[in-house]
Amino acid sequence: MKVYKLTQLLVVLLICLTSCQKLDLKSFAPENGTISFEKNNLEVSSQLDTIEIAVQSNLPFRLKTASSWISFIKANSLESGTVQIIVARNRELSERTGMVEAYITDDVKTSLTIVQKAGEVSTEVKHFYVKSSASSNSDGLSWEKATTLDMVLKDAQNGDVIHVAAGVYKPVVNLSGGSQAGDITFEIAQNVKLIGGYPAQATTGAAANANNKTELNGDDRATHVLTIVAPKSNGHKVELDGFTITKGKAGGTGSVAVNGINISRQHGAGILIAGSVVEMKNMKVTDNSSFNHNPGIYITAAADVLMKNVSITNNYSTIAASNGGGIWNDGSKLQLIDSEILGNRTGGVGAGLYSLNSSVESVNILYNVTIANNVAGALGSNAVGGGIYAREKSLFYVINSTIYGNKAGGNGFGGGIALYGDTQMNLINSTVSGNQGGMNNAAVGGFAVQNASAGNNSLFIYNSIISGNISTGSLELGGQAFASYSIKSSILSTQVYDYEGKVSAKAFDPTTAFSTFGKNGGYGETIPLKGSSPATTDGMTALQLQILGINLPAIKPDYLIIDQNNLSRNNKTVMGADISIK
């Protein structure tokens, strides 16, 4: 009996304890979160650095930032402690401010403001020396202590000069912020000058020479062989002289954010230029490919680019929907001088030079340029603009230039030039011949030069020849109605136009008036005239061209009174790019 009562007493006690525990659980209140940085403002140097700063928190927390130049060793923690924040090198010449947030919940958080000093401007120009056989352990301050190209591009400051010996250089370092295998590239993030063409085993006093081939090679792995993202800075620019850029392979997905600019993986297999001022000369961009758009050179984000003695050849895309073979100007300024765009191929449009940005103007100024044998629609699709495709908000001045042998794919028109969607084309002292478009297409319209959209494009032709192009169609220039159009002292097909834009009684025969396309003294190939024809007698005078130059302030007027081979037009009235008579 006593045992039974003792058992009952124990059961009652257990029930009481259990009841008390339930009451305690119901009355439990979680601890309020608190979090803080040891300081809320921090100033750091312009160099790449890892900052350590204490965070006090009574609960687990995470870190985040909207600044592309700030990252974390570890973005979360279970308790108070020191966090590590990485700040990238500031290559701009102004300070920048970013914020890091540490948070437990959306309502429980704290912030740290980081102010990074402006990038440094060296008071003394440094000269670096690079060899393909060099070690990254050398300082690169002499040929005898030459280093690697990757190392120099990381260390060089605005204004420094980099001398590169002949050899093949393949990128191994990712673009800043890059995470995919194809993001390896030679990244130029400062306004430096690179000179190639020194002997492979250069020593003190060595001179650069075009025969010493200096090749930046993407090995068919790099999305961009060369990526130029140096911020614009008064008095500074990126300069490149004496390099061959080859074997890039664009076409990846997404983009990489650098200096607030999204660097597309779909464009610019050879070179991608974003927001920089760049001068290139004595360069070759060749045999780059893309399984999306633009295998050659992509210029974007209001970049300002001058190219002189540059050859852009045999760049190709491998899908039908690809556009912009040799160059794609996306909302930037391009000046191309004494250069050539040859043999580039796209599945889509604009095999030679493609210009498009629907929001801002893309300016293209060509002096003494040959655009030849480029093929749009190379994979069998109907495509326009074999030589040039000028699209929305594009402005072109094509001066002393030869557009020859380009093809619009399938039944596409505009084998030489196509215009679409609010563009302006100024064709001056230029020759458009031998281009193919509108094959097996009964429609009437512009197989050499096509206006592909109605009422919003302008074409002004001065002292130029559009004749001898190839099609089964009937009009070398045609398509939709122009917003503005004029033709002065020029030839269109067989018709001759005088300075007032009126059709002359004379006629032009391209089968007898043209000589052979080839090298005739300038950088690129041209089509000289032969014998006597209206093209040799009825062109604009040097004075008329000078007046035209005054009225076109965007261009360099001196180029209007020479031809593509730099021969003077004084005392001559010859139309087209090449005034020599064979």
Protein backbone atom coordinates (compact mmCIF):
# COMPACT_ATOMS: atom_id res chain seq x y z
CA MET A 1 0.00 0.00 0.00
CA LYS A 2 2.75 2.40 0.90
CA VAL A 3 4.47 1.58 -2.37
CA TYR A 4 1.28 2.33 -4.31
CA LYS A 5 0.84 5.73 -2.60
CA LEU A 6 4.48 6.61 -3.22
CA THR A 7 4.03 5.82 -6.89
CA GLN A 8 0.95 8.05 -7.09
CA LEU A 9 2.89 10.89 -5.48
CA LEU A 10 5.69 10.57 -8.01
CA VAL A 11 3.20 10.67 -10.93
CA VAL A 12 1.61 13.84 -9.54
CA LEU A 13 5.01 15.48 -9.20
CA LEU A 14 5.94 14.52 -12.78
CA ILE A 15 2.70 16.01 -14.10
CA CYS A 16 3.36 19.21 -12.23
CA LEU A 17 6.88 19.48 -13.59
CA THR A 18 5.67 18.84 -17.15
CA SER A 19 2.97 21.48 -16.78
CA CYS A 20 5.48 24.00 -15.53
CA GLN A 21 7.75 23.32 -18.49
CA LYS A 22 4.88 23.94 -20.92
CA LEU A 23 4.10 27.21 -19.27
CA ASP A 24 7.76 28.27 -19.49
CA LEU A 25 7.91 27.45 -23.22
CA LYS A 26 4.81 29.48 -23.92
CA SER A 27 6.15 32.46 -22.06
CA PHE A 28 9.65 32.35 -23.75
CA ALA A 29 10.67 35.51 -25.74
CA PRO A 30 13.59 35.26 -28.27
CA GLU A 31 16.57 37.47 -27.71
CA ASN A 32 16.51 40.80 -29.61
CA GLY A 33 19.17 41.04 -32.30
CA THR A 34 21.92 43.62 -32.02
CA ILE A 35 24.76 44.23 -34.49
CA SER A 36 27.42 46.88 -35.07
CA PHE A 37 30.77 47.49 -36.78
CA GLU A 38 33.56 48.71 -34.53
CA LYS A 39 33.52 51.87 -36.69
CA ASN A 40 31.12 53.12 -39.35
CA ASN A 41 33.54 54.93 -41.66
CA LEU A 42 36.82 53.77 -43.09
CA GLU A 43 39.33 55.34 -45.50
CA VAL A 44 41.60 53.02 -47.50
CA SER A 45 44.41 53.39 -50.01
CA SER A 46 43.99 53.09 -53.77
CA GLN A 47 45.71 49.70 -53.82
CA LEU A 48 44.25 46.19 -53.71
CA ASP A 49 43.88 45.34 -50.05
CA THR A 50 42.10 43.08 -47.56
CA ILE A 51 40.59 45.00 -44.63
CA GLU A 52 39.89 43.36 -41.28
CA ILE A 53 37.22 44.93 -39.09
CA ALA A 54 35.37 43.68 -35.99
CA VAL A 55 31.63 43.08 -35.94
CA GLN A 56 29.69 42.71 -32.66
CA SER A 57 26.56 40.58 -33.05
CA ASN A 58 24.53 38.44 -30.67
CA LEU A 59 23.09 36.33 -33.53
CA PRO A 60 24.34 34.93 -36.85
CA PHE A 61 24.72 37.60 -39.58
CA ARG A 62 25.63 38.13 -43.25
CA LEU A 63 27.50 40.77 -45.30
CA LYS A 64 26.43 42.37 -48.59
CA THR A 65 27.40 45.28 -50.87
CA ALA A 66 26.23 46.90 -54.10
CA SER A 67 29.76 48.05 -55.01
CA SER A 68 31.44 45.93 -57.70
CA TRP A 69 34.93 46.76 -56.32
CA ILE A 70 34.17 45.34 -52.85
CA SER A 71 34.00 41.62 -52.02
CA PHE A 72 34.36 39.34 -48.99
CA ILE A 73 36.55 36.42 -47.92
CA LYS A 74 33.47 35.01 -46.17
CA ALA A 75 30.05 36.67 -46.35
CA ASN A 76 28.45 35.05 -43.29
CA SER A 77 29.30 34.39 -39.61
CA LEU A 78 27.63 32.63 -36.67
CA GLU A 79 28.92 35.05 -34.03
CA SER A 80 30.86 38.21 -33.27
CA GLY A 81 34.33 38.43 -34.70
CA THR A 82 36.58 39.91 -37.36
CA VAL A 83 35.39 39.97 -41.00
CA GLN A 84 37.67 40.35 -44.03
CA ILE A 85 36.67 42.75 -46.79
CA ILE A 86 38.56 42.90 -50.12
CA VAL A 87 38.80 46.24 -51.93
CA ALA A 88 40.01 46.20 -55.54
CA ARG A 89 42.67 48.58 -56.78
CA ASN A 90 41.24 51.99 -57.74
CA ARG A 91 42.51 52.75 -61.23
CA GLU A 92 40.45 55.91 -61.60
CA LEU A 93 41.87 59.33 -60.81
CA SER A 94 39.11 60.19 -58.36
CA GLU A 95 38.18 58.72 -55.00
CA ARG A 96 35.18 56.41 -54.74
CA THR A 97 32.76 55.48 -51.98
CA GLY A 98 31.10 52.14 -51.28
CA MET A 99 29.01 50.68 -48.49
CA VAL A 100 29.07 47.31 -46.74
CA GLU A 101 26.02 46.17 -44.83
CA ALA A 102 26.04 43.59 -42.02
CA TYR A 103 22.56 42.28 -41.22
CA ILE A 104 20.73 39.76 -39.06
CA THR A 105 17.33 40.53 -40.60
CA ASP A 106 16.10 43.25 -42.94
CA ASP A 107 15.27 45.31 -39.86
CA VAL A 108 18.37 44.54 -37.81
CA LYS A 109 21.45 45.77 -39.64
CA THR A 110 24.41 48.14 -39.61
CA SER A 111 26.56 49.71 -42.29
CA LEU A 112 30.20 50.56 -42.97
CA THR A 113 31.10 53.33 -45.45
CA ILE A 114 34.41 52.78 -47.26
CA VAL A 115 36.12 55.70 -49.00
CA GLN A 116 38.94 54.62 -51.30
CA LYS A 117 41.58 57.13 -52.36
CA ALA A 118 42.02 58.11 -56.01
CA GLY A 119 44.29 56.07 -58.24
CA GLU A 120 47.87 57.22 -58.28
CA VAL A 121 49.44 59.25 -61.06
CA SER A 122 53.13 58.58 -61.24
CA THR A 123 55.30 61.68 -61.47
CA GLU A 124 57.87 59.59 -63.30
CA VAL A 125 57.08 57.44 -66.31
CA LYS A 126 58.25 53.87 -65.79
CA HIS A 127 59.40 51.68 -68.65
CA PHE A 128 58.66 47.97 -68.33
CA TYR A 129 60.13 45.18 -70.47
CA VAL A 130 58.41 41.91 -71.35
CA LYS A 131 59.65 38.66 -72.91
CA SER A 132 57.70 35.48 -73.57
CA SER A 133 60.39 33.47 -71.76
CA ALA A 134 60.60 35.76 -68.72
CA SER A 135 59.73 34.98 -65.10
CA SER A 136 57.07 36.81 -63.12
CA ASN A 137 59.59 37.06 -60.28
CA SER A 138 61.58 39.73 -62.18
CA ASP A 139 60.74 43.41 -61.77
CA GLY A 140 60.61 44.08 -65.54
CA LEU A 141 62.54 47.36 -65.34
CA SER A 142 65.11 46.34 -67.97
CA TRP A 143 65.46 43.83 -70.81
CA GLU A 144 67.84 41.87 -68.63
CA LYS A 145 65.17 41.67 -65.91
CA ALA A 146 62.21 41.27 -68.26
CA THR A 147 58.97 39.95 -66.74
CA THR A 148 55.62 38.59 -67.94
CA LEU A 149 52.92 40.62 -69.65
CA ASP A 150 50.34 39.68 -67.01
CA MET A 151 52.60 40.97 -64.25
CA VAL A 152 53.27 44.29 -65.98
CA LEU A 153 49.60 44.93 -66.75
CA LYS A 154 48.86 44.46 -63.05
CA ASP A 155 51.61 46.82 -61.87
CA ALA A 156 51.72 49.60 -64.51
CA GLN A 157 50.29 53.03 -63.76
CA ASN A 158 48.82 55.72 -66.01
CA GLY A 159 51.46 56.97 -68.43
CA ASP A 160 53.83 54.00 -68.12
CA VAL A 161 55.35 52.40 -71.22
CA ILE A 162 55.51 48.63 -71.79
CA HIS A 163 58.02 47.24 -74.32
CA VAL A 164 57.17 43.73 -75.53
CA ALA A 165 59.60 41.40 -77.31
CA ALA A 166 58.59 39.19 -80.23
CA GLY A 167 56.89 35.94 -79.30
CA VAL A 168 53.53 34.38 -78.57
CA TYR A 169 51.73 35.46 -75.40
CA LYS A 170 48.66 33.61 -74.10
CA PRO A 171 46.47 35.03 -71.32
CA VAL A 172 46.13 33.07 -68.07
CA VAL A 173 44.58 35.66 -65.72
CA ASN A 174 40.84 36.27 -65.52
CA LEU A 175 39.26 39.61 -66.31
CA SER A 176 38.52 41.47 -63.05
CA GLY A 177 35.38 39.88 -61.64
CA GLY A 178 35.47 37.04 -64.16
CA SER A 179 34.52 33.58 -62.99
CA GLN A 180 34.24 31.40 -66.09
CA ALA A 181 37.06 29.54 -67.82
CA GLY A 182 36.85 31.77 -70.90
CA ASP A 183 37.30 34.96 -68.86
CA ILE A 184 41.07 34.77 -69.21
CA THR A 185 42.32 37.87 -71.03
CA PHE A 186 45.03 40.50 -71.21
CA GLU A 187 43.29 43.29 -69.30
CA ILE A 188 44.43 46.88 -69.80
CA ALA A 189 42.98 48.79 -66.89
CA GLN A 190 45.36 51.77 -66.92
CA ASN A 191 46.15 54.33 -69.62
CA VAL A 192 49.46 52.80 -70.64
CA LYS A 193 51.42 52.51 -73.89
CA LEU A 194 52.34 49.05 -75.22
CA ILE A 195 54.90 48.68 -78.00
CA GLY A 196 55.50 45.31 -79.64
CA GLY A 197 58.02 44.23 -82.26
CA TYR A 198 61.29 44.11 -80.32
CA PRO A 199 63.65 41.19 -80.98
CA ALA A 200 62.77 38.05 -79.03
CA GLN A 201 66.09 38.26 -77.15
CA ALA A 202 66.18 42.05 -76.95
CA THR A 203 68.92 43.75 -74.98
CA THR A 204 69.53 47.37 -73.98
CA GLY A 205 69.13 49.68 -76.96
CA ALA A 206 66.97 47.29 -79.02
CA ALA A 207 64.54 48.88 -81.49
CA ALA A 208 61.06 47.72 -82.48
CA ASN A 209 60.57 46.40 -85.99
CA ALA A 210 57.46 45.19 -87.82
CA ASN A 211 59.27 41.97 -88.78
CA ASN A 212 59.42 40.91 -85.12
CA LYS A 213 55.94 39.41 -84.79
CA THR A 214 54.46 40.00 -81.35
CA GLU A 215 51.33 37.93 -80.97
CA LEU A 216 48.64 37.98 -78.29
CA ASN A 217 46.99 34.60 -78.76
CA GLY A 218 43.75 33.51 -77.10
CA ASP A 219 44.42 29.85 -77.89
CA ASP A 220 40.73 29.49 -78.91
CA ARG A 221 39.90 29.68 -75.20
CA ALA A 222 39.83 33.36 -74.30
CA THR A 223 36.48 35.10 -74.75
CA HIS A 224 38.45 38.31 -75.39
CA VAL A 225 42.17 38.15 -76.15
CA LEU A 226 42.54 41.81 -75.16
CA THR A 227 40.10 43.70 -72.92
CA ILE A 228 40.60 47.47 -72.57
CA VAL A 229 38.72 49.04 -69.66
CA ALA A 230 41.02 51.93 -68.66
CA PRO A 231 38.87 54.82 -67.35
CA LYS A 232 38.90 58.05 -69.35
CA SER A 233 41.30 60.61 -67.88
CA ASN A 234 42.28 64.02 -69.23
CA GLY A 235 45.58 63.82 -71.08
CA HIS A 236 45.76 60.03 -70.92
CA LYS A 237 44.92 57.24 -73.36
CA VAL A 238 45.76 53.62 -74.04
CA GLU A 239 48.24 53.22 -76.92
CA LEU A 240 48.97 50.00 -78.78
CA ASP A 241 51.61 49.65 -81.47
CA GLY A 242 52.84 46.56 -83.28
CA PHE A 243 50.72 43.59 -82.14
CA THR A 244 48.85 40.73 -83.76
CA ILE A 245 45.65 39.75 -81.93
CA THR A 246 44.42 36.26 -82.77
CA LYS A 247 42.58 33.10 -81.70
CA GLY A 248 40.01 34.69 -79.41
CA LYS A 249 36.72 32.82 -79.14
CA ALA A 250 33.68 34.82 -77.97
CA GLY A 251 30.16 33.57 -77.43
CA GLY A 252 29.78 32.76 -73.76
CA THR A 253 26.74 33.70 -71.71
CA GLY A 254 26.22 36.70 -69.47
CA SER A 255 28.67 39.48 -68.73
CA VAL A 256 31.30 40.65 -66.25
CA ALA A 257 30.93 44.03 -64.48
CA VAL A 258 34.12 46.13 -64.66
CA ASN A 259 34.16 49.81 -63.63
CA GLY A 260 30.36 49.77 -63.69
CA ILE A 261 30.29 48.54 -67.32
CA ASN A 262 28.94 45.14 -68.28
CA ILE A 263 31.54 43.37 -70.43
CA SER A 264 29.61 41.03 -72.72
CA ARG A 265 30.95 37.53 -73.30
CA GLN A 266 29.09 37.43 -76.63
CA HIS A 267 31.18 40.09 -78.41
CA GLY A 268 34.77 41.07 -79.12
CA ALA A 269 36.76 37.86 -79.42
CA GLY A 270 39.83 39.74 -80.62
CA ILE A 271 39.53 43.03 -78.73
CA LEU A 272 36.83 44.49 -76.50
CA ILE A 273 37.10 48.21 -75.69
CA ALA A 274 34.71 49.58 -73.05
CA GLY A 275 34.60 53.27 -72.17
CA SER A 276 38.30 53.94 -72.87
CA VAL A 277 40.26 56.34 -75.06
CA VAL A 278 42.43 54.15 -77.30
CA GLU A 279 44.90 54.72 -80.12
CA MET A 280 46.01 51.67 -82.11
CA LYS A 281 48.50 51.56 -84.97
CA ASN A 282 50.41 48.93 -86.92
CA MET A 283 48.09 46.19 -85.66
CA LYS A 284 46.55 43.02 -87.03
CA VAL A 285 43.34 41.51 -85.67
CA THR A 286 42.92 38.20 -87.43
CA ASP A 287 41.47 34.69 -87.20
CA ASN A 288 39.28 35.29 -84.17
CA SER A 289 35.93 33.52 -83.91
CA SER A 290 32.60 33.72 -82.13
CA PHE A 291 29.70 31.36 -81.64
CA ASN A 292 27.55 34.41 -80.98
CA HIS A 293 28.24 37.99 -82.19
CA ASN A 294 31.29 40.00 -83.31
CA PRO A 295 34.45 37.93 -83.55
CA GLY A 296 36.69 40.93 -84.30
CA ILE A 297 36.69 44.23 -82.37
CA TYR A 298 33.81 45.40 -80.16
CA ILE A 299 33.74 49.08 -79.13
CA THR A 300 31.19 50.06 -76.48
CA ALA A 301 30.26 52.36 -73.57
CA ALA A 302 31.18 55.68 -75.27
CA ALA A 303 34.74 54.62 -76.03
CA ASP A 304 36.84 56.88 -78.26
CA VAL A 305 39.02 54.83 -80.61
CA LEU A 306 41.50 55.80 -83.32
CA MET A 307 43.05 53.08 -85.50
CA LYS A 308 45.80 53.71 -88.04
CA ASN A 309 47.50 51.10 -90.22
CA VAL A 310 45.28 48.40 -88.77
CA SER A 311 44.30 45.22 -90.62
CA ILE A 312 41.14 43.43 -89.47
CA THR A 313 40.95 40.17 -91.40
CA ASN A 314 39.39 36.73 -91.49
CA ASN A 315 37.40 36.98 -88.28
CA TYR A 316 34.35 34.73 -88.40
CA SER A 317 31.26 33.61 -86.54
CA THR A 318 29.83 30.11 -86.49
CA ILE A 319 26.05 30.60 -86.06
CA ALA A 320 23.48 32.04 -88.47
CA ALA A 321 22.24 34.71 -86.06
CA SER A 322 25.63 36.40 -85.59
CA ASN A 323 26.22 40.08 -86.49
CA GLY A 324 29.19 42.42 -86.78
CA GLY A 325 32.20 40.57 -88.15
CA GLY A 326 35.22 42.86 -88.32
CA ILE A 327 34.14 45.74 -86.07
CA TRP A 328 30.98 46.46 -84.08
CA ASN A 329 30.68 50.09 -82.96
CA ASP A 330 28.16 50.16 -80.12
CA GLY A 331 27.54 53.77 -79.09
CA SER A 332 31.15 54.97 -79.41
CA LYS A 333 33.40 57.03 -81.68
CA LEU A 334 35.61 55.26 -84.21
CA GLN A 335 38.20 56.85 -86.48
CA LEU A 336 39.81 54.44 -88.94
CA ILE A 337 42.77 55.73 -90.99
CA ASP A 338 44.87 53.99 -93.67
CA SER A 339 43.46 50.62 -92.69
CA GLU A 340 41.59 47.61 -94.05
CA ILE A 341 38.69 45.33 -93.11
CA LEU A 342 39.02 42.18 -95.22
CA GLY A 343 37.50 38.72 -95.51
CA ASN A 344 35.41 38.72 -92.33
CA ARG A 345 32.33 36.47 -92.23
CA THR A 346 29.11 36.48 -90.23
CA GLY A 347 26.04 34.29 -90.28
CA GLY A 348 23.95 37.46 -89.94
CA VAL A 349 24.44 41.09 -90.99
CA GLY A 350 27.30 43.59 -91.07
CA ALA A 351 30.23 41.35 -91.93
CA GLY A 352 32.76 44.18 -92.33
CA LEU A 353 31.66 47.05 -90.08
CA TYR A 354 28.45 47.01 -88.04
CA SER A 355 27.24 50.10 -86.19
CA LEU A 356 24.33 50.01 -83.76
CA ASN A 357 23.18 51.47 -80.48
CA SER A 358 19.51 52.37 -80.26
CA SER A 359 20.01 54.92 -77.45
CA VAL A 360 23.14 56.95 -78.26
CA GLU A 361 24.95 57.94 -81.44
CA SER A 362 27.66 55.72 -82.92
CA VAL A 363 30.13 57.83 -84.91
CA ASN A 364 32.26 56.24 -87.64
CA ILE A 365 34.85 58.28 -89.58
CA LEU A 366 36.84 56.38 -92.21
CA TYR A 367 39.81 57.90 -94.06
CA ASN A 368 41.66 55.90 -96.73
CA VAL A 369 40.10 52.56 -95.78
CA THR A 370 39.48 49.42 -97.83
CA ILE A 371 36.50 47.23 -96.89
CA ALA A 372 36.65 44.19 -99.13
CA ASN A 373 35.54 40.57 -99.53
CA ASN A 374 33.49 40.42 -96.35
CA VAL A 375 30.48 38.08 -96.42
CA ALA A 376 27.20 38.55 -94.54
CA GLY A 377 24.97 35.47 -94.34
CA ALA A 378 28.01 33.26 -94.80
CA LEU A 379 26.14 30.27 -93.34
CA GLY A 380 23.37 30.44 -95.93
CA SER A 381 20.90 32.96 -94.48
CA ASN A 382 19.51 36.04 -96.24
CA ALA A 383 21.56 38.89 -94.76
CA VAL A 384 22.30 42.53 -95.61
CA GLY A 385 25.32 44.80 -95.31
CA GLY A 386 28.26 42.75 -96.49
CA GLY A 387 30.65 45.70 -96.23
CA ILE A 388 28.92 48.18 -93.90
CA TYR A 389 25.63 47.89 -92.02
CA ALA A 390 24.69 51.23 -90.45
CA ARG A 391 21.82 50.92 -88.00
CA GLU A 392 20.01 53.11 -85.46
CA LYS A 393 21.69 56.39 -84.56
CA SER A 394 24.76 55.73 -86.70
CA LEU A 395 26.69 58.57 -88.31
CA PHE A 396 29.20 57.74 -91.06
CA TYR A 397 31.80 59.74 -92.97
CA VAL A 398 33.43 57.43 -95.53
CA ILE A 399 36.27 59.35 -97.20
CA ASN A 400 38.80 58.16 -99.83
CA SER A 401 37.66 54.60 -99.22
CA THR A 402 37.18 51.52 -101.40
CA ILE A 403 34.26 49.15 -100.74
CA TYR A 404 34.79 46.16 -103.01
CA GLY A 405 33.81 42.51 -103.41
CA ASN A 406 31.59 42.28 -100.32
CA LYS A 407 28.53 40.00 -100.35
CA ALA A 408 25.04 40.13 -98.89
CA GLY A 409 23.95 36.58 -98.19
CA GLY A 410 21.19 34.73 -100.00
CA ASN A 411 18.67 37.16 -101.44
CA GLY A 412 19.80 40.00 -99.16
CA PHE A 413 20.48 43.47 -100.54
CA GLY A 414 23.19 46.01 -99.71
CA GLY A 415 26.25 43.99 -100.66
CA GLY A 416 28.38 47.08 -100.14
CA ILE A 417 26.36 49.23 -97.72
CA ALA A 418 22.98 48.90 -95.98
CA LEU A 419 21.21 51.59 -93.93
CA TYR A 420 18.46 51.00 -91.39
CA GLY A 421 16.66 53.01 -88.71
CA ASP A 422 17.74 56.67 -88.42
CA THR A 423 21.26 56.76 -89.84
CA GLN A 424 23.30 59.21 -91.88
CA MET A 425 25.88 58.15 -94.46
CA ASN A 426 28.28 60.64 -96.08
CA LEU A 427 30.14 59.02 -98.97
CA ILE A 428 33.02 61.26 -100.11
CA ASN A 429 35.74 60.54 -102.70
CA SER A 430 34.93 56.83 -102.44
CA THR A 431 34.42 53.86 -104.77
CA VAL A 432 31.77 51.16 -104.29
CA SER A 433 32.21 48.40 -106.87
CA GLY A 434 32.30 44.64 -107.31
CA ASN A 435 29.92 44.05 -104.40
CA GLN A 436 27.21 41.40 -104.65
CA GLY A 437 23.63 41.54 -103.38
CA GLY A 438 20.08 40.73 -104.36
CA MET A 439 21.09 37.56 -106.15
CA ASN A 440 18.10 35.67 -107.59
CA ASN A 441 15.86 38.34 -106.08
CA ALA A 442 13.37 39.91 -108.44
CA ALA A 443 12.60 42.77 -106.05
CA VAL A 444 13.78 46.24 -107.02
CA GLY A 445 16.14 47.70 -104.49
CA GLY A 446 19.70 48.53 -103.74
CA PHE A 447 21.89 45.52 -104.38
CA ALA A 448 25.06 47.63 -103.84
CA VAL A 449 23.70 50.29 -101.46
CA GLN A 450 20.34 49.64 -99.82
CA ASN A 451 18.05 51.83 -97.75
CA ALA A 452 16.33 49.16 -95.67
CA SER A 453 13.87 51.35 -93.72
CA ALA A 454 11.62 54.13 -94.97
CA GLY A 455 11.84 57.83 -94.23
CA ASN A 456 14.49 57.93 -91.52
CA ASN A 457 17.89 57.49 -93.21
CA SER A 458 20.00 60.07 -95.03
CA LEU A 459 22.55 59.54 -97.78
CA PHE A 460 24.86 62.22 -99.20
CA ILE A 461 27.18 61.27 -102.06
CA TYR A 462 30.09 63.51 -103.11
CA ASN A 463 32.66 62.86 -105.83
CA SER A 464 32.13 59.10 -105.55
CA ILE A 465 31.48 56.12 -107.79
CA ILE A 466 28.83 53.43 -107.19
CA SER A 467 29.10 51.22 -110.25
CA GLY A 468 30.07 47.78 -111.47
CA ASN A 469 28.35 45.89 -108.66
CA ILE A 470 26.79 42.45 -109.16
CA SER A 471 23.14 41.31 -108.98
CA THR A 472 20.17 39.95 -110.88
CA GLY A 473 18.25 43.03 -109.69
CA SER A 474 17.95 46.39 -111.40
CA LEU A 475 19.10 49.14 -109.02
CA GLU A 476 22.52 49.52 -107.46
CA LEU A 477 21.09 52.12 -105.08
CA GLY A 478 17.54 51.58 -103.88
CA GLY A 479 15.14 50.27 -101.31
CA GLN A 480 12.94 52.58 -99.25
CA ALA A 481 12.57 56.36 -99.50
CA PHE A 482 15.30 58.44 -97.87
CA ALA A 483 14.62 61.18 -95.31
CA SER A 484 17.34 63.20 -97.10
CA TYR A 485 19.33 62.38 -100.20
CA SER A 486 21.71 64.20 -102.51
CA ILE A 487 24.36 63.30 -105.07
CA LYS A 488 27.02 65.69 -106.42
CA SER A 489 29.70 65.12 -109.07
CA SER A 490 29.33 61.37 -108.82
CA ILE A 491 28.49 58.25 -110.78
CA LEU A 492 25.61 55.91 -109.99
CA SER A 493 25.60 52.78 -112.14
CA THR A 494 26.02 54.21 -115.67
CA GLN A 495 24.62 57.66 -114.91
CA VAL A 496 26.82 60.72 -114.38
CA TYR A 497 25.69 63.47 -111.98
CA ASP A 498 27.10 67.00 -112.09
CA TYR A 499 27.88 69.30 -109.14
CA GLU A 500 24.24 70.44 -109.03
CA GLY A 501 23.02 66.88 -108.78
CA LYS A 502 21.59 66.79 -112.30
CA VAL A 503 21.99 63.82 -114.64
CA SER A 504 24.50 64.51 -117.40
CA ALA A 505 24.15 63.40 -121.00
CA LYS A 506 27.38 61.44 -120.53
CA ALA A 507 27.51 57.79 -119.57
CA PHE A 508 29.91 55.65 -117.56
CA ASP A 509 30.84 52.07 -118.46
CA PRO A 510 32.34 50.19 -115.49
CA THR A 511 33.51 47.32 -117.71
CA THR A 512 35.97 49.59 -119.50
CA ALA A 513 36.59 52.41 -117.00
CA PHE A 514 37.97 50.39 -114.05
CA SER A 515 41.39 48.81 -113.77
CA THR A 516 42.14 45.78 -111.57
CA PHE A 517 41.56 45.78 -107.82
CA GLY A 518 44.94 45.56 -106.08
CA LYS A 519 47.81 47.35 -104.33
CA ASN A 520 48.43 50.76 -105.88
CA GLY A 521 50.55 52.64 -103.36
CA GLY A 522 48.37 53.03 -100.27
CA TYR A 523 47.82 50.84 -97.24
CA GLY A 524 44.84 48.99 -98.68
CA GLU A 525 43.91 47.74 -102.14
CA THR A 526 42.07 50.09 -104.51
CA ILE A 527 40.42 50.16 -107.95
CA PRO A 528 42.18 52.68 -110.18
CA LEU A 529 40.49 54.18 -113.20
CA LYS A 530 41.87 53.71 -116.67
CA GLY A 531 41.72 55.78 -119.84
CA SER A 532 39.38 58.74 -120.08
CA SER A 533 35.84 58.64 -118.72
CA PRO A 534 33.44 60.99 -116.95
CA ALA A 535 34.95 59.70 -113.68
CA THR A 536 38.32 61.20 -114.65
CA THR A 537 36.99 64.54 -115.94
CA ASP A 538 33.74 65.46 -114.19
CA GLY A 539 34.63 65.19 -110.52
CA MET A 540 34.80 67.90 -107.89
CA THR A 541 37.67 70.38 -107.91
CA ALA A 542 40.06 70.69 -104.98
CA LEU A 543 38.41 74.02 -104.11
CA GLN A 544 34.96 72.44 -104.03
CA LEU A 545 36.27 69.69 -101.78
CA GLN A 546 37.90 72.24 -99.48
CA ILE A 547 34.58 74.08 -99.15
CA LEU A 548 32.87 70.77 -98.40
CA GLY A 549 35.43 70.09 -95.69
CA ILE A 550 34.71 73.46 -94.06
CA ASN A 551 31.01 72.58 -93.95
CA LEU A 552 31.67 69.22 -92.29
CA PRO A 553 33.41 70.19 -89.03
CA ALA A 554 33.39 66.63 -87.65
CA ILE A 555 36.10 65.50 -90.10
CA LYS A 556 39.72 66.34 -90.91
CA PRO A 557 39.37 68.44 -94.11
CA ASP A 558 42.93 67.76 -95.29
CA TYR A 559 41.85 64.24 -96.23
CA LEU A 560 39.39 65.61 -98.78
CA ILE A 561 42.14 66.97 -101.02
CA ILE A 562 44.13 63.74 -101.25
CA ASP A 563 43.14 60.26 -102.43
CA GLN A 564 43.42 56.83 -100.79
CA ASN A 565 47.05 56.57 -101.87
CA ASN A 566 47.77 60.03 -100.40
CA LEU A 567 48.09 61.61 -103.86
CA SER A 568 47.04 65.27 -104.16
CA ARG A 569 43.75 66.11 -105.85
CA ASN A 570 45.00 69.59 -106.81
CA ASN A 571 44.46 70.38 -110.49
CA LYS A 572 42.44 67.17 -110.90
CA THR A 573 38.73 66.44 -111.11
CA VAL A 574 38.77 62.69 -110.59
CA MET A 575 36.01 60.82 -108.77
CA GLY A 576 36.44 57.92 -106.42
CA ALA A 577 39.04 56.72 -103.93
CA ASP A 578 42.00 56.24 -106.30
CA ILE A 579 42.76 59.12 -108.69
CA SER A 580 45.66 57.39 -110.47
CA ILE A 581 44.94 56.58 -114.13
CA LYS A 582 46.29 53.20 -115.25
